[in-house]
């Protein structure tokens, strides 16, 4: 009488690392320091950095 529902297949299975503690902190630090490296290579001032 009832239709047996098939659970949807999980297409994005590589999301477990999002839940690890410190992943987002490390990601933000990597982005921040890489941005500082770009600024130091091009020799721009911090005031100009916000306008890019």
Protein backbone atom coordinates (compact mmCIF):
# COMPACT_ATOMS: atom_id res chain seq x y z
CA UNK A 1 0.00 0.00 0.00
CA UNK A 2 2.84 2.38 0.81
CA UNK A 3 5.51 3.24 -1.72
CA UNK A 4 9.00 2.38 -0.57
CA UNK A 5 11.06 5.56 -0.85
CA UNK A 6 14.58 5.18 -2.14
CA UNK A 7 17.05 7.47 -0.32
CA UNK A 8 18.77 9.89 -2.70
CA UNK A 9 22.33 9.10 -3.57
CA UNK A 10 24.88 11.35 -1.91
CA UNK A 11 26.66 12.96 -4.84
CA UNK A 12 28.99 15.10 -2.75
CA UNK A 13 30.79 12.62 -0.51
CA UNK A 14 33.94 14.65 0.11
CA UNK A 15 32.48 17.02 2.71
CA UNK A 16 33.57 15.26 5.92
CA UNK A 17 36.62 17.50 6.27
CA UNK A 18 34.36 20.54 6.67
CA UNK A 19 33.37 19.32 10.13
CA UNK A 20 36.91 18.90 11.47
CA UNK A 21 37.86 21.51 14.09
CA UNK A 22 40.43 24.00 12.91
CA UNK A 23 39.84 23.48 9.20
CA UNK A 24 38.24 26.87 8.66
CA UNK A 25 40.79 28.59 10.90
CA UNK A 26 43.64 27.10 8.89
CA UNK A 27 41.90 28.03 5.64
CA UNK A 28 41.46 31.65 6.70
CA UNK A 29 45.07 31.85 7.87
CA UNK A 30 46.34 30.43 4.58
CA UNK A 31 44.27 32.93 2.59
CA UNK A 32 45.38 35.80 4.83
CA UNK A 33 49.09 35.03 4.65
CA UNK A 34 48.99 34.32 0.93
CA UNK A 35 47.34 37.72 0.47
CA UNK A 36 50.11 39.30 2.52
CA UNK A 37 52.65 37.57 0.29
CA UNK A 38 50.94 38.97 -2.81
CA UNK A 39 50.98 42.46 -1.31
CA UNK A 40 54.65 42.21 -0.40
CA UNK A 41 55.58 40.96 -3.87
CA UNK A 42 53.78 43.79 -5.65
CA UNK A 43 54.83 46.35 -3.05
CA UNK A 44 51.39 47.83 -2.47
CA UNK A 45 50.45 49.68 0.69
CA UNK A 46 47.77 48.30 3.04
CA UNK A 47 45.48 51.17 2.12
CA UNK A 48 45.52 50.17 -1.54
CA UNK A 49 45.00 46.51 -0.66
CA UNK A 50 41.36 47.07 0.31
CA UNK A 51 40.54 48.62 -3.06
CA UNK A 52 41.64 45.61 -5.12
